[in-house]
Amino acid sequence: MQVTELPAEGLKRAFQVLVPAASLAERRDRRLKELGAELKLPGFRPGKVPPAVVKARYGQAVTGEVLEASVQETSRQVITDRGLRPAMQPKIELVNYSDGADLEYKIDLELMPEIPMPDFSAIELERPKATPTEAEVTAFLDTMRARLATTEDVADPRPAAKGEVLVCDFVGRLRNEDGSLAEPFQGGTASDMPIEVGGDGFIPGFTEQMEGLSPGETRTIEVTFPAEYGSADLAGKAASFDITAKALKRKILPEADDALAQKLGLDDVGALRARVAENLQREYDGLARMKVKRALLDKLAERAGFEVPQGMVEGEFGQIWQRVEADLKGGKLDEEDKGKDEATLKAEYRAIAERRIRLGLLLSEIGRTNGVNVTNDELANAMRAEASRYPGQEKQVLEYFRANPQALEGLRAPIFEEKVVDFVLELARVTEKPVTAEELQAAA
């Protein structure tokens, strides 16, 4: 094998490789001989098929097999002998080959960059710390009580107040551009629908206009579907609903007492409040973790000035841009992106792709050089957690992950990232900053 290194450019490397015809012929003849010893053809004793017959029948297929194996082995040897670390699968381009001639091909690859380790002890971070107040626990309990509320009929008809429930029939029609009404649209009609007056879950402005409506009355409600509404046929359009109230119900909220606690499997209301406080603390700690991780990644990005393989950047950008194009077609583009031309959007998202690749490479190198690994138990727990999301199909989900290394990597990667983040946070200078729940949740 003769190897010629071509001029390098950044992380890119290229090699011209020549495999002598004699080496290929020797390998082909050896494979044909092995094949002849195994063949069973009509008219010949097993293993006694003449070499000329074997070559006539299988020579072309064996030649292809030998070429493929030779390229794989020699290209791997080129990379190994030089101690190279490819960032992606090398590209192989056949330059020249004909029967009886030398094989010439070209290897193009990009190398993993040299990644200097930052001084983790020089990274300063603030971890926000919020502790649930009694008022926040009470507010959460009030929300819980509202979810557990029952209803009872209001015997004497009267106008509905905010928070009460009207049982209604309604028919919705879109308004044409000239203001006229179209035919009822699909999904815009319902019967005996319980609706909380002033409650959430409907088109903005719908339930608010029901206040004061009495059973037996009909009212026309005018609304406009949000621009980001899930159905493109309705998004941003004006509609008119004729709604008829049929019955009025009031909500009955359970008291926050021992009876409610015992219904939820706890001893008393004190244990219930303690459980709510624990859950809120877990939620606050999760938000704090997210914020400190985001700040850490920003600090690491500032310190990651190494060159990145452009092939990896282009691959990441391609995936991002597919989603952006889908959002463009569906009218779901982020507000900050609206009004930007395609060139600007591409430049911004390519920069995002480069940052992601750079941070991914840095986190991977931090983990590699410091022995951070995902254990089999951690991976198994992640598989079981994912399988639990599909009741009745757990076995199939587990088998899918076991049979698909790429899918399994999708579970391993976030666990690895979190462990690397924990490793760096242990070495960084992190101070705790007391904050309120509102401050913690701001821009979360």
Protein backbone atom coordinates (compact mmCIF):
# COMPACT_ATOMS: atom_id res chain seq x y z
CA MET A 1 0.00 0.00 0.00
CA GLN A 2 1.28 3.45 -0.93
CA VAL A 3 -0.13 6.48 0.90
CA THR A 4 0.29 10.09 -0.21
CA GLU A 5 -0.86 12.82 2.16
CA LEU A 6 -2.46 15.71 0.31
CA PRO A 7 -2.26 19.36 1.48
CA ALA A 8 -4.16 19.91 4.76
CA GLU A 9 -6.62 22.70 5.51
CA GLY A 10 -7.62 23.35 9.10
CA LEU A 11 -9.02 20.13 10.52
CA LYS A 12 -9.40 18.59 7.07
CA ARG A 13 -7.06 15.83 5.96
CA ALA A 14 -6.87 13.95 2.67
CA PHE A 15 -4.85 10.94 1.52
CA GLN A 16 -4.33 9.26 -1.83
CA VAL A 17 -4.05 5.49 -1.37
CA LEU A 18 -2.76 2.94 -3.89
CA VAL A 19 -3.27 -0.79 -3.30
CA PRO A 20 -1.12 -2.88 -5.70
CA ALA A 21 -2.90 -5.10 -8.21
CA ALA A 22 -0.83 -8.08 -7.05
CA SER A 23 -2.16 -7.73 -3.50
CA LEU A 24 -5.75 -7.60 -4.78
CA ALA A 25 -5.21 -10.59 -7.07
CA GLU A 26 -3.67 -12.66 -4.28
CA ARG A 27 -6.56 -11.87 -1.98
CA ARG A 28 -9.14 -12.60 -4.70
CA ASP A 29 -7.54 -15.94 -5.59
CA ARG A 30 -7.41 -16.95 -1.93
CA ARG A 31 -11.10 -16.13 -1.50
CA LEU A 32 -12.04 -18.05 -4.68
CA LYS A 33 -10.10 -21.05 -3.41
CA GLU A 34 -11.93 -20.92 -0.07
CA LEU A 35 -15.23 -20.64 -1.90
CA GLY A 36 -14.41 -23.58 -4.17
CA ALA A 37 -13.75 -25.79 -1.16
CA GLU A 38 -17.22 -25.01 0.19
CA LEU A 39 -19.31 -25.14 -3.01
CA LYS A 40 -21.78 -27.84 -3.91
CA LEU A 41 -22.72 -27.63 -7.59
CA PRO A 42 -24.61 -30.17 -9.71
CA GLY A 43 -22.19 -32.43 -11.62
CA PHE A 44 -19.29 -31.89 -9.25
CA ARG A 45 -18.27 -33.56 -6.03
CA PRO A 46 -18.41 -31.26 -2.96
CA GLY A 47 -15.22 -29.22 -2.79
CA LYS A 48 -14.05 -30.42 -6.21
CA VAL A 49 -15.46 -27.64 -8.40
CA PRO A 50 -12.72 -26.60 -10.89
CA PRO A 51 -11.18 -23.17 -10.18
CA ALA A 52 -12.13 -21.96 -13.67
CA VAL A 53 -15.81 -22.71 -12.97
CA VAL A 54 -15.66 -21.00 -9.58
CA LYS A 55 -14.04 -17.94 -11.15
CA ALA A 56 -16.54 -17.79 -14.02
CA ARG A 57 -19.48 -17.99 -11.68
CA TYR A 58 -18.30 -15.93 -8.72
CA GLY A 59 -15.29 -13.95 -9.90
CA GLN A 60 -17.12 -10.63 -10.28
CA ALA A 61 -18.85 -10.89 -6.91
CA VAL A 62 -15.63 -11.89 -5.17
CA THR A 63 -13.76 -9.01 -6.83
CA GLY A 64 -16.34 -6.57 -5.44
CA GLU A 65 -16.07 -8.18 -2.02
CA VAL A 66 -12.26 -7.96 -2.10
CA LEU A 67 -12.29 -4.31 -3.19
CA GLU A 68 -14.68 -3.32 -0.41
CA ALA A 69 -12.72 -5.21 2.24
CA SER A 70 -9.41 -3.80 0.97
CA VAL A 71 -10.69 -0.21 1.10
CA GLN A 72 -12.09 -0.70 4.61
CA GLU A 73 -8.93 -2.30 5.97
CA THR A 74 -6.40 -0.01 4.30
CA SER A 75 -8.31 3.20 5.09
CA ARG A 76 -8.59 2.10 8.72
CA GLN A 77 -4.84 1.37 8.71
CA VAL A 78 -4.06 4.83 7.27
CA ILE A 79 -5.98 6.46 10.11
CA THR A 80 -4.64 4.16 12.85
CA ASP A 81 -0.99 4.37 11.78
CA ARG A 82 -1.12 8.16 11.97
CA GLY A 83 -3.02 8.28 15.28
CA LEU A 84 -5.85 10.32 13.77
CA ARG A 85 -9.21 10.88 15.50
CA PRO A 86 -11.86 11.41 12.80
CA ALA A 87 -14.75 13.65 13.82
CA MET A 88 -17.09 11.88 11.40
CA GLN A 89 -17.12 8.89 9.07
CA PRO A 90 -14.37 9.46 6.44
CA LYS A 91 -15.46 9.92 2.83
CA ILE A 92 -14.00 7.43 0.36
CA GLU A 93 -13.79 8.32 -3.34
CA LEU A 94 -12.69 5.75 -5.92
CA VAL A 95 -10.09 7.33 -8.22
CA ASN A 96 -9.12 4.47 -10.49
CA TYR A 97 -9.63 0.75 -10.81
CA SER A 98 -9.88 -1.78 -13.61
CA ASP A 99 -9.46 -5.53 -13.63
CA GLY A 100 -5.82 -6.38 -13.17
CA ALA A 101 -4.80 -2.80 -12.31
CA ASP A 102 -3.87 -1.09 -9.06
CA LEU A 103 -6.67 0.26 -6.88
CA GLU A 104 -6.50 4.02 -6.25
CA TYR A 105 -8.82 5.86 -3.94
CA LYS A 106 -8.95 9.05 -1.90
CA ILE A 107 -9.80 9.48 1.80
CA ASP A 108 -11.28 12.80 2.97
CA LEU A 109 -11.86 13.35 6.67
CA GLU A 110 -12.09 15.97 9.37
CA LEU A 111 -10.22 15.51 12.62
CA MET A 112 -11.38 16.05 16.14
CA PRO A 113 -9.84 19.32 17.31
CA GLU A 114 -7.41 19.68 20.16
CA ILE A 115 -9.62 20.76 23.05
CA PRO A 116 -7.84 22.57 25.91
CA MET A 117 -9.41 22.07 29.33
CA PRO A 118 -10.71 25.27 30.93
CA ASP A 119 -9.74 26.18 34.48
CA PHE A 120 -12.96 25.10 36.15
CA SER A 121 -12.00 26.70 39.46
CA ALA A 122 -12.00 30.10 37.74
CA ILE A 123 -15.67 29.79 36.76
CA GLU A 124 -17.92 31.80 39.09
CA LEU A 125 -21.64 31.05 39.19
CA GLU A 126 -24.69 31.90 41.28
CA ARG A 127 -27.21 29.21 42.10
CA PRO A 128 -30.62 30.72 42.93
CA LYS A 129 -32.29 29.19 45.97
CA ALA A 130 -36.01 29.58 46.62
CA THR A 131 -37.83 28.05 49.58
CA PRO A 132 -41.63 27.59 49.50
CA THR A 133 -43.50 30.00 51.78
CA GLU A 134 -46.63 29.11 53.69
CA ALA A 135 -48.60 31.33 51.30
CA GLU A 136 -47.24 29.41 48.29
CA VAL A 137 -48.16 26.09 49.92
CA THR A 138 -51.67 27.41 50.57
CA ALA A 139 -51.98 28.67 46.99
CA PHE A 140 -50.94 25.25 45.67
CA LEU A 141 -53.47 23.57 47.94
CA ASP A 142 -56.16 25.92 46.63
CA THR A 143 -55.29 24.87 43.07
CA MET A 144 -55.45 21.23 44.13
CA ARG A 145 -58.83 21.78 45.79
CA ALA A 146 -60.12 23.40 42.57
CA ARG A 147 -59.05 20.30 40.57
CA LEU A 148 -60.86 18.06 43.07
CA ALA A 149 -64.00 20.20 43.11
CA THR A 150 -67.42 18.69 42.54
CA THR A 151 -70.49 20.51 41.25
CA GLU A 152 -74.09 20.79 42.35
CA ASP A 153 -77.08 22.13 40.48
CA VAL A 154 -78.31 25.65 41.15
CA ALA A 155 -82.02 25.11 41.56
CA ASP A 156 -83.25 28.66 40.94
CA PRO A 157 -82.23 30.00 37.51
CA ARG A 158 -80.08 33.11 37.76
CA PRO A 159 -77.20 34.75 35.87
CA ALA A 160 -73.93 32.82 36.04
CA ALA A 161 -71.03 34.29 38.01
CA LYS A 162 -67.32 33.85 37.34
CA GLY A 163 -66.12 30.44 38.53
CA GLU A 164 -69.53 28.77 38.15
CA VAL A 165 -70.27 26.17 35.49
CA LEU A 166 -72.79 26.49 32.68
CA VAL A 167 -73.91 23.43 30.75
CA CYS A 168 -74.28 24.68 27.17
CA ASP A 169 -74.91 23.90 23.53
CA PHE A 170 -73.02 26.01 21.00
CA VAL A 171 -72.43 26.33 17.27
CA GLY A 172 -69.41 28.18 15.87
CA ARG A 173 -69.06 29.82 12.46
CA LEU A 174 -66.08 31.62 10.96
CA ARG A 175 -66.57 35.15 9.69
CA ASN A 176 -65.77 35.81 6.05
CA GLU A 177 -63.69 38.83 5.06
CA ASP A 178 -66.87 40.79 4.34
CA GLY A 179 -68.17 40.06 7.83
CA SER A 180 -70.75 37.47 6.77
CA LEU A 181 -70.92 34.11 8.51
CA ALA A 182 -69.74 30.89 6.91
CA GLU A 183 -71.16 27.43 7.56
CA PRO A 184 -70.43 25.82 10.97
CA PHE A 185 -66.81 24.61 11.04
CA GLN A 186 -65.64 21.18 12.09
CA GLY A 187 -65.06 20.96 15.86
CA GLY A 188 -67.00 24.16 16.51
CA THR A 189 -70.23 22.50 17.66
CA ALA A 190 -70.97 20.85 21.01
CA SER A 191 -73.93 19.73 23.12
CA ASP A 192 -74.26 19.58 26.91
CA MET A 193 -70.74 20.95 27.32
CA PRO A 194 -69.87 22.03 30.90
CA ILE A 195 -67.91 25.30 30.74
CA GLU A 196 -66.45 27.25 33.65
CA VAL A 197 -67.39 30.91 33.36
CA GLY A 198 -64.17 32.91 33.04
CA GLY A 199 -62.16 29.67 33.07
CA ASP A 200 -59.24 28.53 30.93
CA GLY A 201 -59.13 26.02 28.09
CA PHE A 202 -61.19 27.82 25.47
CA ILE A 203 -60.42 30.50 22.90
CA PRO A 204 -59.28 33.67 24.71
CA GLY A 205 -62.31 35.86 25.45
CA PHE A 206 -64.85 33.02 25.06
CA THR A 207 -65.65 32.07 28.64
CA GLU A 208 -65.33 35.66 29.89
CA GLN A 209 -68.32 36.65 27.71
CA MET A 210 -70.50 33.99 29.37
CA GLU A 211 -70.67 35.86 32.67
CA GLY A 212 -74.26 36.87 33.42
CA LEU A 213 -75.79 34.28 31.08
CA SER A 214 -78.79 32.47 32.60
CA PRO A 215 -80.11 28.96 31.83
CA GLY A 216 -82.54 29.13 28.92
CA GLU A 217 -80.85 32.17 27.39
CA THR A 218 -78.91 32.32 24.12
CA ARG A 219 -76.00 34.66 23.50
CA THR A 220 -73.72 35.35 20.55
CA ILE A 221 -70.03 35.42 21.43
CA GLU A 222 -67.47 36.99 19.09
CA VAL A 223 -63.86 35.81 19.33
CA THR A 224 -60.66 35.65 17.29
CA PHE A 225 -58.55 32.51 17.23
CA PRO A 226 -54.92 33.12 18.32
CA ALA A 227 -52.36 33.40 15.52
CA GLU A 228 -50.50 30.42 17.00
CA TYR A 229 -53.65 28.26 17.23
CA GLY A 230 -53.00 24.56 16.55
CA SER A 231 -55.22 24.39 13.45
CA ALA A 232 -53.88 26.42 10.52
CA ASP A 233 -57.46 26.63 9.10
CA LEU A 234 -58.59 28.55 12.20
CA ALA A 235 -55.46 30.42 13.33
CA GLY A 236 -55.94 34.18 13.40
CA LYS A 237 -59.52 34.03 12.12
CA ALA A 238 -62.62 35.71 13.57
CA ALA A 239 -65.51 33.49 14.63
CA SER A 240 -68.99 33.82 16.03
CA PHE A 241 -70.53 31.33 18.47
CA ASP A 242 -74.24 31.03 19.26
CA ILE A 243 -74.31 29.62 22.77
CA THR A 244 -77.38 28.43 24.68
CA ALA A 245 -77.16 27.89 28.44
CA LYS A 246 -79.12 24.87 29.66
CA ALA A 247 -78.17 24.48 33.32
CA LEU A 248 -76.13 26.24 36.00
CA LYS A 249 -73.90 24.47 38.50
CA ARG A 250 -71.82 25.80 41.37
CA LYS A 251 -68.46 24.38 42.34
CA ILE A 252 -68.03 22.71 45.73
CA LEU A 253 -64.38 22.77 46.81
CA PRO A 254 -63.20 20.28 49.45
CA GLU A 255 -61.74 21.81 52.60
CA ALA A 256 -58.00 21.61 53.14
CA ASP A 257 -58.39 19.39 56.21
CA ASP A 258 -57.51 15.94 57.52
CA ALA A 259 -60.28 14.36 55.41
CA LEU A 260 -58.73 15.68 52.19
CA ALA A 261 -55.27 14.52 53.32
CA GLN A 262 -56.56 11.01 54.07
CA LYS A 263 -58.32 10.89 50.71
CA LEU A 264 -54.90 11.51 49.17
CA GLY A 265 -53.26 8.78 51.26
CA LEU A 266 -51.71 10.97 53.99
CA ASP A 267 -52.30 11.04 57.74
CA ASP A 268 -53.45 14.60 58.27
CA VAL A 269 -53.44 18.11 56.82
CA GLY A 270 -49.99 18.78 58.33
CA ALA A 271 -48.55 15.85 56.35
CA LEU A 272 -50.36 17.14 53.27
CA ARG A 273 -48.82 20.59 53.61
CA ALA A 274 -45.40 19.04 54.16
CA ARG A 275 -45.80 16.94 51.00
CA VAL A 276 -46.83 20.00 48.99
CA ALA A 277 -43.81 21.90 50.34
CA GLU A 278 -41.53 19.02 49.30
CA ASN A 279 -42.98 18.98 45.80
CA LEU A 280 -42.64 22.75 45.46
CA GLN A 281 -39.04 22.57 46.72
CA ARG A 282 -38.29 19.88 44.13
CA GLU A 283 -39.80 22.09 41.43
CA TYR A 284 -37.83 25.15 42.59
CA ASP A 285 -34.60 23.14 42.78
CA GLY A 286 -35.20 21.89 39.23
CA LEU A 287 -35.61 25.46 37.97
CA ALA A 288 -32.48 26.52 39.86
CA ARG A 289 -30.56 23.61 38.34
CA MET A 290 -31.71 24.63 34.87
CA LYS A 291 -30.59 28.23 35.42
CA VAL A 292 -27.18 27.38 36.84
CA LYS A 293 -26.60 24.85 34.06
CA ARG A 294 -27.49 27.45 31.44
CA ALA A 295 -25.08 29.91 33.06
CA LEU A 296 -22.36 27.26 33.20
CA LEU A 297 -22.77 26.43 29.50
CA ASP A 298 -22.49 30.13 28.68
CA LYS A 299 -19.25 30.33 30.69
CA LEU A 300 -17.87 27.22 28.99
CA ALA A 301 -18.83 28.58 25.56
CA GLU A 302 -16.81 31.74 26.32
CA ARG A 303 -13.79 29.54 27.02
CA ALA A 304 -14.21 27.22 24.03
CA GLY A 305 -12.31 28.96 21.24
CA PHE A 306 -11.11 25.86 19.40
CA GLU A 307 -11.89 25.13 15.75
CA VAL A 308 -14.83 22.83 15.10
CA PRO A 309 -15.32 20.30 12.27
CA GLN A 310 -17.47 22.02 9.65
CA GLY A 311 -19.06 18.73 8.61
CA MET A 312 -20.52 18.37 12.10
CA VAL A 313 -21.70 21.98 12.05
CA GLU A 314 -23.40 21.52 8.70
CA GLY A 315 -25.11 18.36 9.91
CA GLU A 316 -26.44 20.12 13.01
CA PHE A 317 -27.47 23.18 11.01
CA GLY A 318 -29.32 20.98 8.52
CA GLN A 319 -31.46 19.51 11.29
CA ILE A 320 -32.18 22.95 12.78
CA TRP A 321 -33.03 24.46 9.41
CA GLN A 322 -35.50 21.69 8.63
CA ARG A 323 -37.46 22.66 11.74
CA VAL A 324 -37.23 26.38 10.88
CA GLU A 325 -38.56 25.72 7.37
CA ALA A 326 -41.43 23.67 8.82
CA ASP A 327 -42.25 26.56 11.20
CA LEU A 328 -42.11 28.99 8.28
CA LYS A 329 -44.58 26.92 6.26
CA GLY A 330 -46.86 26.42 9.26
CA GLY A 331 -46.78 30.09 10.27
CA LYS A 332 -45.23 29.18 13.65
CA LEU A 333 -41.98 31.12 13.42
CA ASP A 334 -40.73 32.58 16.71
CA GLU A 335 -41.62 36.22 17.23
CA GLU A 336 -37.99 37.33 17.25
CA ASP A 337 -37.44 35.64 13.87
CA LYS A 338 -40.39 37.22 12.09
CA GLY A 339 -39.39 39.85 9.56
CA LYS A 340 -35.85 38.52 9.10
CA ASP A 341 -34.77 37.47 5.61
CA GLU A 342 -33.56 33.95 4.89
CA ALA A 343 -29.87 34.88 4.76
CA THR A 344 -30.05 36.46 8.22
CA LEU A 345 -31.92 33.50 9.67
CA LYS A 346 -29.44 31.04 8.18
CA ALA A 347 -26.47 32.96 9.56
CA GLU A 348 -28.01 33.09 13.04
CA TYR A 349 -28.99 29.44 13.12
CA ARG A 350 -25.62 28.35 11.73
CA ALA A 351 -24.01 30.21 14.65
CA ILE A 352 -26.34 28.33 17.01
CA ALA A 353 -25.35 25.04 15.36
CA GLU A 354 -21.65 25.86 15.76
CA ARG A 355 -22.13 26.72 19.45
CA ARG A 356 -23.97 23.43 20.04
CA ILE A 357 -21.24 21.40 18.36
CA ARG A 358 -18.47 23.26 20.19
CA LEU A 359 -20.16 22.79 23.57
CA GLY A 360 -20.95 19.15 22.79
CA LEU A 361 -17.32 18.46 21.90
CA LEU A 362 -16.08 20.25 25.01
CA LEU A 363 -18.46 18.39 27.34
CA SER A 364 -17.54 15.10 25.67
CA GLU A 365 -13.82 15.81 26.12
CA ILE A 366 -14.32 16.84 29.75
CA GLY A 367 -16.10 13.58 30.39
CA ARG A 368 -13.56 11.49 28.47
CA THR A 369 -10.49 12.92 30.14
CA ASN A 370 -12.02 12.78 33.62
CA GLY A 371 -13.53 9.32 33.46
CA VAL A 372 -17.18 10.37 33.48
CA ASN A 373 -19.28 7.44 32.30
CA VAL A 374 -22.90 6.38 32.12
CA THR A 375 -23.33 3.11 34.01
CA ASN A 376 -25.39 0.18 32.79
CA ASP A 377 -27.76 0.69 35.73
CA GLU A 378 -28.30 4.34 34.80
CA LEU A 379 -29.01 3.38 31.21
CA ALA A 380 -31.36 0.59 32.28
CA ASN A 381 -33.25 3.00 34.54
CA ALA A 382 -33.61 5.45 31.64
CA MET A 383 -34.93 2.67 29.42
CA ARG A 384 -37.48 1.64 32.03
CA ALA A 385 -38.56 5.24 32.56
CA GLU A 386 -39.08 5.69 28.82
CA ALA A 387 -40.94 2.37 28.56
CA SER A 388 -43.28 3.41 31.41
CA ARG A 389 -44.58 6.20 29.17
CA TYR A 390 -46.21 3.53 26.97
CA PRO A 391 -48.44 1.41 29.22
CA GLY A 392 -48.98 -2.07 27.81
CA GLN A 393 -46.07 -1.72 25.37
CA GLU A 394 -43.18 -1.72 27.84
CA LYS A 395 -41.64 -4.95 26.50
CA GLN A 396 -41.68 -3.73 22.89
CA VAL A 397 -40.11 -0.40 23.89
CA LEU A 398 -37.28 -2.13 25.79
CA GLU A 399 -36.65 -4.47 22.86
CA TYR A 400 -36.56 -1.49 20.51
CA PHE A 401 -33.82 0.20 22.52
CA ARG A 402 -31.81 -3.01 22.81
CA ALA A 403 -31.97 -3.49 19.04
CA ASN A 404 -31.22 0.15 18.09
CA PRO A 405 -27.87 1.52 19.30
CA GLN A 406 -28.70 4.98 17.93
CA ALA A 407 -31.93 5.14 19.96
CA LEU A 408 -30.04 3.93 23.04
CA GLU A 409 -27.49 6.70 22.48
CA GLY A 410 -30.40 9.16 22.59
CA LEU A 411 -30.98 8.03 26.20
CA ARG A 412 -27.32 7.90 27.15
CA ALA A 413 -26.32 11.34 25.84
CA PRO A 414 -28.46 13.50 28.20
CA ILE A 415 -27.42 11.39 31.22
CA PHE A 416 -23.76 11.86 30.26
CA GLU A 417 -24.26 15.60 29.82
CA GLU A 418 -25.86 15.98 33.24
CA LYS A 419 -23.03 14.02 34.88
CA VAL A 420 -20.41 16.19 33.18
CA VAL A 421 -22.26 19.33 34.29
CA ASP A 422 -22.30 17.98 37.87
CA PHE A 423 -18.56 17.27 37.62
CA VAL A 424 -17.77 20.82 36.52
CA LEU A 425 -20.11 22.39 39.09
CA GLU A 426 -18.23 20.54 41.83
CA LEU A 427 -15.01 22.27 40.74
CA ALA A 428 -16.45 25.71 39.90
CA ARG A 429 -16.99 28.46 42.45
CA VAL A 430 -20.75 28.34 42.98
CA THR A 431 -22.42 30.59 45.52
CA GLU A 432 -26.03 30.28 46.61
CA LYS A 433 -28.29 33.31 46.18
CA PRO A 434 -31.63 33.39 48.04
CA VAL A 435 -34.49 34.42 45.72
CA THR A 436 -38.26 34.43 45.74
CA ALA A 437 -40.26 31.96 43.69
CA GLU A 438 -41.26 34.81 41.35
CA GLU A 439 -37.62 35.76 40.77
CA LEU A 440 -36.71 32.12 40.16
CA GLN A 441 -39.49 31.62 37.67
CA ALA A 442 -38.74 34.84 35.76
CA ALA A 443 -37.25 34.01 32.37
CA ALA A 444 -36.94 30.36 33.38
